[in-house]
N, C-alpha and C. Protein backbone atom coordinates (compact mmCIF):
# COMPACT_ATOMS: atom_id res chain seq x y z
N MET A 1 2.20 174.99 20.87
CA MET A 1 3.19 175.68 21.98
C MET A 1 3.82 176.99 21.63
N ALA A 2 3.93 177.39 20.41
CA ALA A 2 4.64 178.53 19.96
C ALA A 2 2.93 179.75 19.87
N SER A 3 2.06 179.15 19.38
CA SER A 3 1.10 179.79 19.06
C SER A 3 0.57 180.24 20.47
N ALA A 4 0.96 179.37 21.17
CA ALA A 4 0.31 179.63 23.11
C ALA A 4 0.79 180.90 23.79
N LYS A 5 1.98 180.84 23.23
CA LYS A 5 3.19 181.75 23.90
C LYS A 5 3.04 183.07 23.04
N LYS A 6 2.77 182.81 22.02
CA LYS A 6 2.58 184.44 21.25
C LYS A 6 1.24 185.02 21.21
N SER A 7 0.05 184.29 22.00
CA SER A 7 -1.14 184.90 22.16
C SER A 7 -1.12 185.27 23.57
N SER A 8 -0.27 184.57 24.49
CA SER A 8 0.31 185.13 25.84
C SER A 8 0.63 186.56 25.72
N GLY A 9 2.03 186.28 25.01
CA GLY A 9 2.64 187.74 25.24
C GLY A 9 1.81 188.50 24.42
N ALA A 10 1.11 188.51 23.40
CA ALA A 10 0.13 189.56 22.76
C ALA A 10 -1.11 190.17 23.79
N ALA A 11 -1.35 189.46 24.23
CA ALA A 11 -2.52 189.80 25.55
C ALA A 11 -1.77 190.36 26.67
N ARG A 12 -0.88 190.38 27.17
CA ARG A 12 -0.27 190.94 28.20
C ARG A 12 0.67 192.45 27.45
N GLN A 13 0.88 192.59 26.09
CA GLN A 13 1.40 193.60 25.58
C GLN A 13 0.44 194.91 25.36
N ALA A 14 -0.93 193.62 25.21
CA ALA A 14 -2.45 194.67 25.10
C ALA A 14 -2.79 195.19 26.47
N ARG A 15 -2.62 194.45 27.50
CA ARG A 15 -2.80 194.76 29.46
C ARG A 15 -1.96 196.05 29.33
N ILE A 16 -0.62 195.63 28.78
CA ILE A 16 0.13 196.83 29.30
C ILE A 16 -0.01 198.74 28.57
N ALA A 17 -0.65 198.18 27.39
CA ALA A 17 -1.01 199.27 26.68
C ALA A 17 -2.19 200.18 27.22
N GLU A 18 -3.03 199.15 27.66
CA GLU A 18 -4.33 199.92 28.24
C GLU A 18 -3.94 200.62 29.30
N MET A 19 -3.32 199.83 30.36
CA MET A 19 -2.80 200.50 31.47
C MET A 19 -2.04 201.65 31.46
N ARG A 20 -1.34 201.68 30.27
CA ARG A 20 -0.85 203.01 29.85
C ARG A 20 -1.51 204.10 29.75
N ARG A 21 -2.74 203.83 29.04
CA ARG A 21 -3.61 204.70 28.32
C ARG A 21 -4.68 205.01 29.48
N ALA A 22 -4.56 204.48 30.68
CA ALA A 22 -5.43 204.89 31.81
C ALA A 22 -4.81 205.66 32.53
N GLU A 23 -3.17 204.98 32.68
CA GLU A 23 -2.45 205.94 33.42
C GLU A 23 -2.16 207.35 32.86
N GLN A 24 -2.17 207.73 31.60
CA GLN A 24 -2.14 208.81 31.08
C GLN A 24 -2.80 209.74 31.30
N ALA A 25 -4.55 208.94 31.12
CA ALA A 25 -5.75 209.81 31.84
C ALA A 25 -5.84 210.46 33.32
N ARG A 26 -4.98 209.81 34.13
CA ARG A 26 -5.73 209.63 35.47
C ARG A 26 -4.33 210.86 35.70
N GLU A 27 -3.06 210.90 34.93
CA GLU A 27 -1.98 212.10 35.03
C GLU A 27 -2.89 213.44 34.74
N ARG A 28 -3.25 213.16 33.48
CA ARG A 28 -3.89 214.68 33.04
C ARG A 28 -5.23 215.30 34.32
N ARG A 29 -5.88 214.01 34.96
CA ARG A 29 -6.84 214.57 35.99
C ARG A 29 -6.05 215.21 36.97
N ASN A 30 -5.14 214.27 37.35
CA ASN A 30 -4.09 214.43 38.88
C ASN A 30 -3.40 215.94 38.45
N ARG A 31 -2.95 216.37 37.39
CA ARG A 31 -2.39 217.50 37.00
C ARG A 31 -3.62 218.61 37.08
N ILE A 32 -4.56 218.86 36.84
CA ILE A 32 -5.27 219.72 36.88
C ILE A 32 -5.65 219.71 38.45
N LEU A 33 -5.98 218.80 39.19
CA LEU A 33 -6.35 218.96 40.37
C LEU A 33 -4.93 219.37 41.62
N VAL A 34 -4.02 219.25 41.02
CA VAL A 34 -2.66 219.47 41.92
C VAL A 34 -2.46 220.99 41.33
N ILE A 35 -2.97 221.30 40.24
CA ILE A 35 -2.69 222.89 40.01
C ILE A 35 -3.77 223.80 40.50
N ALA A 36 -4.86 222.93 40.74
CA ALA A 36 -6.23 223.80 41.49
C ALA A 36 -5.68 224.06 42.97
N ALA A 37 -5.38 223.10 43.58
CA ALA A 37 -5.16 223.30 44.66
C ALA A 37 -4.49 223.95 45.02
N SER A 38 -3.33 224.07 44.38
CA SER A 38 -1.72 224.97 44.72
C SER A 38 -2.29 226.47 44.56
N VAL A 39 -3.12 227.00 43.76
CA VAL A 39 -3.96 228.24 43.21
C VAL A 39 -4.31 228.42 44.72
N VAL A 40 -5.26 227.60 45.06
CA VAL A 40 -6.15 227.92 46.67
C VAL A 40 -5.11 228.09 47.88
N VAL A 41 -4.34 227.08 47.88
CA VAL A 41 -3.18 227.29 48.94
C VAL A 41 -1.82 228.43 49.05
N VAL A 42 -1.54 228.78 47.49
CA VAL A 42 -0.85 230.29 47.72
C VAL A 42 -1.81 231.40 47.92
N ALA A 43 -2.96 231.61 47.35
CA ALA A 43 -3.94 232.33 47.31
C ALA A 43 -4.06 232.69 48.91
N GLY A 44 -4.32 231.30 49.86
CA GLY A 44 -4.45 231.38 51.39
C GLY A 44 -3.32 232.02 51.65
N LEU A 45 -2.20 231.63 51.61
CA LEU A 45 -0.86 232.16 52.46
C LEU A 45 -0.12 233.47 51.80
N VAL A 46 -0.70 233.88 51.03
CA VAL A 46 -0.27 235.45 50.47
C VAL A 46 -1.66 236.07 51.06
N ALA A 47 -3.04 235.76 51.52
CA ALA A 47 -4.24 236.93 52.42
C ALA A 47 -3.18 236.67 53.59
N GLY A 48 -2.80 235.69 54.08
CA GLY A 48 -2.25 235.71 55.46
C GLY A 48 -1.04 236.48 55.75
N GLY A 49 -0.25 237.01 54.58
CA GLY A 49 0.70 237.39 54.93
C GLY A 49 2.15 236.27 54.80
N VAL A 50 1.84 235.13 54.86
CA VAL A 50 3.06 234.00 55.40
C VAL A 50 3.40 233.07 54.20
N PHE A 51 4.72 232.63 53.72
CA PHE A 51 5.38 231.93 52.67
C PHE A 51 6.20 230.81 53.87
N VAL A 52 5.58 229.61 53.24
CA VAL A 52 6.41 228.64 53.97
C VAL A 52 6.91 227.88 53.01
N VAL A 53 7.97 226.92 52.89
CA VAL A 53 8.64 226.82 52.29
C VAL A 53 9.11 225.21 52.76
N ARG A 54 9.10 223.95 52.66
CA ARG A 54 9.42 222.59 53.81
C ARG A 54 9.16 221.57 52.54
N SER A 55 10.51 220.88 52.44
CA SER A 55 10.58 220.13 51.27
C SER A 55 10.60 218.65 52.61
N GLN A 56 10.27 217.47 51.84
CA GLN A 56 9.78 216.23 52.66
C GLN A 56 10.85 216.05 53.18
N SER A 57 12.16 216.33 52.57
CA SER A 57 13.43 215.54 53.19
C SER A 57 14.03 216.59 54.11
N ASP A 58 13.33 217.69 54.88
CA ASP A 58 13.84 218.65 55.56
C ASP A 58 13.93 217.36 57.19
N ASP A 59 13.13 216.43 57.31
CA ASP A 59 13.03 215.58 58.23
C ASP A 59 13.78 214.53 58.32
N THR A 60 15.27 214.27 58.70
CA THR A 60 15.77 213.27 57.93
C THR A 60 16.32 212.37 59.22
N ALA A 61 15.69 212.05 60.28
CA ALA A 61 15.44 211.15 61.33
C ALA A 61 15.19 209.91 60.61
N ALA A 62 16.08 208.68 60.79
CA ALA A 62 15.74 207.58 60.18
C ALA A 62 14.54 206.99 60.96
N VAL A 63 14.09 206.22 60.06
CA VAL A 63 13.06 205.12 60.54
C VAL A 63 13.35 203.72 60.09
N ASP A 64 12.99 202.79 60.70
CA ASP A 64 12.95 201.69 59.74
C ASP A 64 11.34 201.28 59.02
N ALA A 65 11.87 200.28 58.16
CA ALA A 65 11.11 200.28 56.84
C ALA A 65 10.02 199.31 57.49
N LYS A 66 9.43 199.37 58.81
CA LYS A 66 8.43 198.10 59.04
C LYS A 66 8.60 196.83 58.23
N THR A 67 9.64 196.43 58.57
CA THR A 67 9.93 195.35 57.60
C THR A 67 10.83 194.18 58.53
N SER A 68 9.76 192.97 58.24
CA SER A 68 10.63 191.94 58.97
C SER A 68 10.44 190.60 58.23
N GLY A 69 11.46 189.83 58.35
CA GLY A 69 11.67 188.35 57.83
C GLY A 69 12.85 188.07 57.14
N HIS A 70 12.94 187.47 55.90
CA HIS A 70 14.53 186.78 55.03
C HIS A 70 13.74 186.81 53.70
N PHE A 71 14.91 186.24 53.24
CA PHE A 71 14.97 186.06 51.73
C PHE A 71 14.82 184.33 51.86
N THR A 72 13.93 183.99 50.72
CA THR A 72 14.33 182.54 50.60
C THR A 72 14.33 182.61 49.30
N THR A 73 15.44 181.94 48.26
CA THR A 73 15.99 181.70 47.05
C THR A 73 15.19 180.34 46.66
N GLY A 74 14.46 180.58 44.98
CA GLY A 74 13.75 179.29 44.60
C GLY A 74 14.60 178.66 43.57
N LYS A 75 14.81 177.80 43.18
CA LYS A 75 15.42 176.94 42.26
C LYS A 75 15.61 177.67 40.80
N ASP A 76 14.87 178.84 40.63
CA ASP A 76 15.05 179.64 39.24
C ASP A 76 16.04 180.56 39.79
N GLY A 77 16.86 180.71 41.11
CA GLY A 77 17.40 181.94 41.33
C GLY A 77 17.00 182.83 41.64
N VAL A 78 15.86 183.37 41.73
CA VAL A 78 14.60 184.53 41.94
C VAL A 78 14.73 184.35 43.97
N LYS A 79 15.24 185.40 44.57
CA LYS A 79 14.89 185.39 45.96
C LYS A 79 13.67 186.16 46.46
N THR A 80 12.52 185.58 47.05
CA THR A 80 11.56 185.97 47.64
C THR A 80 11.52 186.35 48.97
N TRP A 81 11.25 187.70 49.60
CA TRP A 81 11.12 187.95 50.85
C TRP A 81 9.93 187.37 51.35
N GLN A 82 10.18 186.61 52.77
CA GLN A 82 9.53 186.13 53.51
C GLN A 82 9.41 186.83 54.48
N GLY A 83 8.09 187.60 54.82
CA GLY A 83 7.83 188.28 56.05
C GLY A 83 6.75 189.21 55.70
N LYS A 84 7.20 190.28 56.72
CA LYS A 84 6.56 191.80 56.41
C LYS A 84 7.28 192.98 55.75
N LEU A 85 6.22 193.67 54.73
CA LEU A 85 6.57 194.46 54.01
C LEU A 85 5.97 195.77 54.36
N GLY A 86 6.15 196.87 55.23
CA GLY A 86 5.24 198.04 55.22
C GLY A 86 4.89 198.69 54.17
N ARG A 87 3.83 199.41 54.23
CA ARG A 87 3.75 200.45 52.98
C ARG A 87 3.23 201.52 53.03
N THR A 88 3.39 202.01 54.10
CA THR A 88 3.14 203.05 54.91
C THR A 88 3.79 204.59 54.52
N HIS A 89 2.90 205.61 53.86
CA HIS A 89 3.88 206.45 53.47
C HIS A 89 4.59 207.75 54.49
N VAL A 90 5.66 207.87 54.20
CA VAL A 90 6.66 208.49 55.60
C VAL A 90 7.06 209.29 54.65
N ALA A 91 7.53 210.51 55.83
CA ALA A 91 8.42 211.73 55.18
C ALA A 91 9.75 211.70 55.56
N LYS A 92 9.99 210.74 56.64
CA LYS A 92 11.51 210.37 57.16
C LYS A 92 12.21 209.88 56.44
N THR A 93 13.73 209.73 56.66
CA THR A 93 14.64 208.67 56.11
C THR A 93 14.48 207.36 56.16
N VAL A 94 14.07 206.14 55.59
CA VAL A 94 13.80 205.13 55.97
C VAL A 94 15.09 204.00 55.57
N THR A 95 15.41 203.43 56.58
CA THR A 95 16.69 202.99 56.60
C THR A 95 16.09 200.95 56.04
N TYR A 96 16.47 200.26 55.18
CA TYR A 96 16.13 199.13 54.69
C TYR A 96 16.77 197.85 54.83
N PRO A 97 16.33 196.73 55.37
CA PRO A 97 17.48 195.91 55.31
C PRO A 97 18.17 195.01 54.09
N VAL A 98 17.80 195.64 53.48
CA VAL A 98 18.62 194.56 51.86
C VAL A 98 18.71 195.85 51.23
N GLU A 99 19.88 196.11 50.17
CA GLU A 99 20.03 197.23 49.22
C GLU A 99 20.46 196.32 47.49
N PRO A 100 19.52 196.63 46.92
CA PRO A 100 18.46 197.67 46.70
C PRO A 100 17.16 196.67 47.48
N PRO A 101 16.45 197.64 48.10
CA PRO A 101 15.38 197.47 49.32
C PRO A 101 14.18 196.79 48.22
N VAL A 102 13.58 195.89 48.51
CA VAL A 102 12.26 194.98 47.94
C VAL A 102 10.92 195.30 48.44
N GLY A 103 10.98 196.28 49.17
CA GLY A 103 9.69 196.78 49.67
C GLY A 103 9.83 197.25 51.12
N GLY A 104 8.48 198.03 51.41
CA GLY A 104 8.51 198.45 52.91
C GLY A 104 8.02 199.93 53.15
N ASP A 105 7.77 200.59 54.17
CA ASP A 105 8.03 201.87 54.16
C ASP A 105 8.00 202.77 53.07
N HIS A 106 7.78 204.14 52.51
CA HIS A 106 8.25 204.75 51.39
C HIS A 106 7.84 206.09 51.37
N ASN A 107 8.40 206.81 50.43
CA ASN A 107 7.77 208.51 50.33
C ASN A 107 6.50 208.32 49.38
N GLN A 108 5.68 209.33 49.40
CA GLN A 108 4.54 209.42 48.96
C GLN A 108 4.70 209.39 47.50
N VAL A 109 6.35 209.89 46.78
CA VAL A 109 6.24 210.31 45.91
C VAL A 109 7.21 208.99 45.12
N TRP A 110 7.02 208.54 43.85
CA TRP A 110 7.20 207.57 43.10
C TRP A 110 8.25 207.92 42.30
N MET A 111 9.56 207.30 42.07
CA MET A 111 9.99 207.52 40.94
C MET A 111 9.42 207.37 39.15
N ASN A 112 9.84 207.90 38.51
CA ASN A 112 8.91 207.85 37.12
C ASN A 112 9.55 206.40 36.86
N CYS A 113 8.70 205.52 36.24
CA CYS A 113 9.33 204.45 35.67
C CYS A 113 8.57 203.90 34.78
N ASN A 114 8.63 204.42 33.34
CA ASN A 114 8.08 204.21 32.06
C ASN A 114 9.02 203.68 31.78
N GLY A 115 10.12 203.05 31.62
CA GLY A 115 11.29 202.68 30.98
C GLY A 115 12.11 204.03 31.30
N ASP A 116 12.12 204.19 32.27
CA ASP A 116 13.24 205.75 32.53
C ASP A 116 14.75 204.95 33.23
N VAL A 117 15.61 205.53 32.21
CA VAL A 117 17.14 205.47 33.05
C VAL A 117 17.92 206.50 33.41
N TYR A 118 18.13 206.40 34.97
CA TYR A 118 18.61 207.68 35.31
C TYR A 118 20.10 207.23 35.81
N ASP A 119 21.10 208.13 35.72
CA ASP A 119 22.49 208.18 35.34
C ASP A 119 23.57 208.36 36.70
N LYS A 120 22.25 208.66 37.71
CA LYS A 120 22.63 208.77 39.21
C LYS A 120 21.80 207.80 40.26
N ALA A 121 22.62 207.28 41.37
CA ALA A 121 21.75 206.57 42.59
C ALA A 121 20.52 207.29 43.15
N LEU A 122 19.34 206.17 42.91
CA LEU A 122 18.07 207.02 43.35
C LEU A 122 18.12 207.11 44.81
N ASN A 123 16.89 208.10 45.59
CA ASN A 123 16.50 207.70 46.57
C ASN A 123 15.77 206.40 46.60
N ASN A 124 16.01 205.75 47.48
CA ASN A 124 15.00 204.43 47.84
C ASN A 124 13.91 204.62 48.00
N MET A 125 13.40 205.35 48.86
CA MET A 125 12.40 205.84 49.36
C MET A 125 11.25 205.78 48.13
N ASN A 126 11.97 206.73 46.98
CA ASN A 126 11.14 206.89 45.79
C ASN A 126 10.90 205.92 45.22
N ALA A 127 12.21 205.23 44.76
CA ALA A 127 12.18 203.95 43.95
C ALA A 127 11.27 202.68 44.61
N VAL A 128 11.03 202.48 45.86
CA VAL A 128 10.33 201.29 46.54
C VAL A 128 8.93 201.43 46.32
N HIS A 129 8.16 203.01 46.18
CA HIS A 129 7.16 203.48 45.80
C HIS A 129 6.90 202.95 44.57
N SER A 130 7.86 202.85 43.56
CA SER A 130 7.45 202.54 42.30
C SER A 130 7.47 200.75 42.10
N LEU A 131 8.03 200.17 42.68
CA LEU A 131 8.04 198.97 43.17
C LEU A 131 6.51 198.60 43.41
N GLU A 132 6.31 199.20 44.37
CA GLU A 132 4.73 199.21 45.02
C GLU A 132 3.21 199.10 43.86
N HIS A 133 3.93 200.19 42.55
CA HIS A 133 3.44 200.10 41.42
C HIS A 133 2.82 198.82 40.44
N GLY A 134 4.17 198.14 40.43
CA GLY A 134 4.35 196.94 39.82
C GLY A 134 5.73 197.24 38.74
N ALA A 135 6.77 197.84 39.00
CA ALA A 135 7.97 198.57 38.31
C ALA A 135 8.81 197.28 38.54
N VAL A 136 9.72 196.89 37.60
CA VAL A 136 10.94 196.24 37.67
C VAL A 136 12.19 196.90 37.70
N TRP A 137 13.18 197.29 38.91
CA TRP A 137 14.09 198.10 39.03
C TRP A 137 15.68 197.77 38.41
N VAL A 138 16.01 197.92 37.91
CA VAL A 138 17.75 197.24 37.31
C VAL A 138 18.59 198.07 37.82
N THR A 139 19.47 197.68 38.56
CA THR A 139 20.62 198.30 39.05
C THR A 139 21.53 197.87 39.23
N TYR A 140 22.67 198.56 38.67
CA TYR A 140 24.18 198.17 38.72
C TYR A 140 25.15 198.49 39.72
N ASN A 141 26.18 198.06 39.53
CA ASN A 141 27.29 198.87 40.62
C ASN A 141 28.40 198.97 39.41
N SER A 142 29.61 199.70 39.96
CA SER A 142 31.14 199.86 39.13
C SER A 142 31.77 198.59 38.77
N LYS A 143 31.29 197.64 39.07
CA LYS A 143 31.58 196.35 38.18
C LYS A 143 30.85 195.63 37.44
N ALA A 144 29.94 196.09 36.91
CA ALA A 144 29.23 196.01 35.86
C ALA A 144 29.78 196.32 34.47
N ALA A 145 29.86 195.71 33.82
CA ALA A 145 30.97 196.32 32.17
C ALA A 145 30.01 196.86 31.41
N LYS A 146 30.74 198.24 30.80
CA LYS A 146 29.20 198.95 30.04
C LYS A 146 28.88 198.56 29.18
N ALA A 147 29.08 197.63 28.84
CA ALA A 147 28.25 196.93 27.16
C ALA A 147 27.24 196.37 27.93
N ASP A 148 27.68 195.89 29.28
CA ASP A 148 25.98 195.41 30.07
C ASP A 148 24.94 196.11 30.60
N VAL A 149 25.42 197.84 30.80
CA VAL A 149 24.56 198.53 31.18
C VAL A 149 24.25 199.48 29.99
N GLU A 150 24.64 199.31 28.82
CA GLU A 150 24.02 200.56 27.72
C GLU A 150 22.85 199.31 27.56
N ALA A 151 23.39 198.07 27.20
CA ALA A 151 22.17 196.58 26.81
C ALA A 151 21.06 196.97 27.54
N LEU A 152 20.85 197.17 29.05
CA LEU A 152 20.46 196.60 29.92
C LEU A 152 19.19 198.20 29.91
N ALA A 153 20.24 199.08 29.38
CA ALA A 153 19.65 200.98 29.44
C ALA A 153 18.55 200.67 28.09
N ALA A 154 18.90 200.25 27.37
CA ALA A 154 18.00 199.52 25.82
C ALA A 154 17.00 199.26 26.15
N LYS A 155 16.91 198.15 26.93
CA LYS A 155 16.03 197.35 27.45
C LYS A 155 14.92 198.14 28.01
N VAL A 156 15.44 198.78 29.43
CA VAL A 156 14.29 199.05 30.00
C VAL A 156 13.91 200.43 29.25
N LYS A 157 14.35 200.85 28.44
CA LYS A 157 13.65 201.93 27.46
C LYS A 157 12.31 201.70 26.69
N LYS A 158 12.49 200.68 26.37
CA LYS A 158 11.15 200.12 25.62
C LYS A 158 10.44 199.60 26.25
N THR A 159 10.62 199.63 27.72
CA THR A 159 9.61 198.51 28.30
C THR A 159 8.86 199.21 29.38
N PRO A 160 7.71 199.63 29.54
CA PRO A 160 7.17 200.46 30.26
C PRO A 160 6.98 199.65 31.34
N TYR A 161 7.05 200.43 33.00
CA TYR A 161 6.78 199.84 34.22
C TYR A 161 8.27 198.92 34.45
N THR A 162 9.05 200.03 33.97
CA THR A 162 10.61 199.49 34.42
C THR A 162 11.30 200.85 34.55
N LEU A 163 12.57 200.84 35.58
CA LEU A 163 13.38 201.92 35.76
C LEU A 163 15.08 201.34 35.96
N MET A 164 15.41 202.14 35.67
CA MET A 164 17.25 201.62 35.95
C MET A 164 18.13 202.70 36.55
N SER A 165 18.99 202.07 37.56
CA SER A 165 19.97 203.09 38.04
C SER A 165 20.96 202.44 38.29
N PRO A 166 22.22 203.56 39.01
CA PRO A 166 23.34 202.67 39.64
C PRO A 166 23.00 202.56 41.09
N ASP A 167 23.95 201.68 41.76
CA ASP A 167 23.50 201.56 42.77
C ASP A 167 25.10 201.10 43.40
N ASP A 168 25.71 201.59 43.64
CA ASP A 168 27.44 201.10 44.30
C ASP A 168 27.41 200.84 45.63
N LYS A 169 25.97 200.48 46.14
CA LYS A 169 26.00 199.85 47.77
C LYS A 169 25.76 198.76 47.66
N GLN A 170 24.82 198.04 46.43
CA GLN A 170 24.53 196.61 46.19
C GLN A 170 25.46 195.63 45.80
N PRO A 171 25.70 194.31 46.34
CA PRO A 171 26.54 193.62 46.34
C PRO A 171 27.31 192.98 45.37
N ASP A 172 26.28 192.54 44.41
CA ASP A 172 26.60 192.16 43.07
C ASP A 172 26.60 192.97 41.46
N PRO A 173 27.14 193.02 40.75
CA PRO A 173 27.42 194.11 39.35
C PRO A 173 25.98 194.61 39.34
N ILE A 174 24.86 193.21 38.59
CA ILE A 174 23.74 193.72 38.02
C ILE A 174 22.93 193.16 38.98
N MET A 175 21.61 193.77 38.93
CA MET A 175 20.58 192.99 40.50
C MET A 175 19.09 193.50 39.57
N LEU A 176 18.08 192.54 39.37
CA LEU A 176 16.82 192.78 39.31
C LEU A 176 15.82 193.09 40.51
N THR A 177 15.18 193.94 40.71
CA THR A 177 14.20 193.80 42.24
C THR A 177 13.08 194.15 41.39
N ALA A 178 11.90 193.82 42.27
CA ALA A 178 10.34 194.24 41.99
C ALA A 178 10.12 193.95 43.44
N TRP A 179 8.82 194.12 43.83
CA TRP A 179 8.17 194.46 44.97
C TRP A 179 7.91 192.63 45.80
N ALA A 180 9.03 192.83 46.77
CA ALA A 180 9.76 191.36 47.56
C ALA A 180 10.43 190.47 46.73
N HIS A 181 10.78 190.73 45.56
CA HIS A 181 11.40 189.66 44.74
C HIS A 181 13.25 190.67 44.43
N GLN A 182 13.76 189.71 44.30
CA GLN A 182 14.79 189.77 43.73
C GLN A 182 15.98 189.38 43.06
N ARG A 183 16.90 189.41 42.09
CA ARG A 183 17.95 188.46 41.69
C ARG A 183 19.14 188.87 41.15
N THR A 184 20.31 188.20 41.15
CA THR A 184 21.42 188.70 40.03
C THR A 184 21.47 187.86 39.19
N VAL A 185 21.90 188.95 38.07
CA VAL A 185 22.18 188.22 36.92
C VAL A 185 23.36 188.15 36.55
N LYS A 186 23.98 187.07 35.64
CA LYS A 186 25.36 187.63 35.32
C LYS A 186 25.56 188.77 34.11
N SER A 187 24.77 188.94 33.18
CA SER A 187 25.11 189.75 32.19
C SER A 187 23.78 190.08 31.56
N ALA A 188 23.94 191.49 30.64
CA ALA A 188 22.53 191.59 30.02
C ALA A 188 21.91 190.75 29.61
N SER A 189 22.86 189.66 28.65
CA SER A 189 22.28 188.61 27.68
C SER A 189 21.69 187.36 28.49
N ASP A 190 21.83 187.63 29.66
CA ASP A 190 21.23 186.07 30.59
C ASP A 190 19.77 186.39 30.58
N PRO A 191 19.46 184.98 30.39
CA PRO A 191 18.26 184.60 29.99
C PRO A 191 17.33 185.11 30.85
N ASP A 192 17.78 184.88 32.09
CA ASP A 192 17.07 185.28 33.32
C ASP A 192 16.48 186.83 33.34
N VAL A 193 17.10 187.70 32.54
CA VAL A 193 16.71 189.09 32.78
C VAL A 193 15.50 189.04 31.72
N ASP A 194 15.10 188.40 30.91
CA ASP A 194 14.04 188.33 29.84
C ASP A 194 12.73 187.33 31.03
N ALA A 195 13.56 186.57 31.53
CA ALA A 195 12.56 185.64 32.53
C ALA A 195 11.76 186.56 33.50
N PHE A 196 12.68 187.06 34.14
CA PHE A 196 12.46 188.15 35.32
C PHE A 196 11.27 189.31 34.99
N PHE A 197 11.64 189.95 33.56
CA PHE A 197 10.77 191.08 33.20
C PHE A 197 9.39 190.46 32.92
N ALA A 198 9.32 189.08 32.10
CA ALA A 198 8.21 188.87 32.05
C ALA A 198 7.22 188.46 33.32
N LYS A 199 7.65 187.91 34.46
CA LYS A 199 7.43 187.84 35.63
C LYS A 199 6.91 188.86 36.30
N PHE A 200 7.80 189.80 36.66
CA PHE A 200 7.41 190.71 37.30
C PHE A 200 6.86 191.99 36.95
N VAL A 201 7.31 192.42 36.14
CA VAL A 201 6.53 193.73 34.99
C VAL A 201 5.11 193.83 35.20
N GLN A 202 4.61 194.44 36.30
CA GLN A 202 3.32 194.68 36.49
C GLN A 202 2.53 192.87 36.90
N GLY A 203 3.45 191.96 37.61
CA GLY A 203 3.30 190.76 37.65
C GLY A 203 2.19 191.10 39.01
N GLU A 204 1.71 189.43 39.36
CA GLU A 204 0.84 189.32 40.80
C GLU A 204 1.25 189.78 42.04
N GLN A 205 2.84 189.87 42.32
CA GLN A 205 3.22 190.75 43.33
C GLN A 205 2.83 191.85 43.76
N THR A 206 2.46 192.84 42.61
CA THR A 206 2.25 194.05 42.36
C THR A 206 1.13 194.48 43.62
N PRO A 207 1.72 195.59 44.32
CA PRO A 207 0.30 195.74 45.27
C PRO A 207 -0.35 196.86 45.05
N GLU A 208 -0.17 197.69 44.15
CA GLU A 208 -1.02 198.14 43.56
C GLU A 208 -0.67 198.32 41.71
N PRO A 209 -1.44 197.24 41.51
CA PRO A 209 -1.70 197.29 40.01
C PRO A 209 -2.09 197.99 39.32
N GLY A 210 -1.95 198.40 38.15
CA GLY A 210 -2.46 199.50 37.03
C GLY A 210 -2.07 201.17 37.73
N ALA A 211 -1.13 201.03 39.10
CA ALA A 211 -0.99 202.33 39.20
C ALA A 211 0.11 203.24 38.70
N ALA A 212 -0.05 204.56 38.58
CA ALA A 212 0.78 205.10 37.44
C ALA A 212 2.24 205.17 37.50
N CYS A 213 2.90 204.99 36.64
CA CYS A 213 4.68 205.09 36.56
C CYS A 213 5.14 206.29 35.73
N THR A 214 4.42 207.00 35.98
CA THR A 214 4.92 208.69 35.51
C THR A 214 3.84 209.58 36.44
N GLY A 215 4.33 210.94 36.37
CA GLY A 215 3.93 212.03 37.18
C GLY A 215 4.45 211.69 38.44
N GLY A 216 5.74 211.14 38.84
CA GLY A 216 6.58 211.53 39.83
C GLY A 216 7.67 212.82 39.64
N LEU A 217 8.86 211.31 40.11
CA LEU A 217 10.02 212.17 40.21
C LEU A 217 10.76 211.93 38.87
N SER A 218 11.69 212.78 38.35
CA SER A 218 12.42 212.24 36.95
C SER A 218 13.83 212.64 37.78
N GLN A 219 14.25 212.88 38.86
CA GLN A 219 15.69 213.34 39.79
C GLN A 219 15.79 214.40 38.63
């Protein structure tokens, strides 16, 4: 049994390493394309004597996440969303039915989730895009113990396809979120932390397996 688990773990690590190599290659190609496109756009604006600067956040009208349904809680304590989760890229602010959100319409730019630890609350719309790419999002509020926050941050930093941030709007001190799945844990040493990571980091729930977790926003 131990040998089988070790073999499975090694295979999983190899799969993640391969995805990271592919991701880095995509990022290099995308960077070249973005630079080339930017040069063309700027040249066109200069020729026309017009400079336009617009942020996606300019349009702040709230929309819902095209999400409907409810949570069901399994015997393992993991809550699974039963219903619809939109996946449309939108520029407007999205209102999600749960905090942190487990999916729904989101911004076209993801938060970097290659073991990234943030010290400020994230824009949910960008973080949801990270979930779509198969990331696990660790969040905590002001009631979480400092030692737990530090231990979780250390775990996230060494785990590809994860990110971490504070969220004082969430109901529990420490929460783990993946696309369509969420749970509360008691502490950083809670065995359910490792179980959640093992199942949902690039897990079967991932809408876009292998998609980039770098090249997005870094706050």
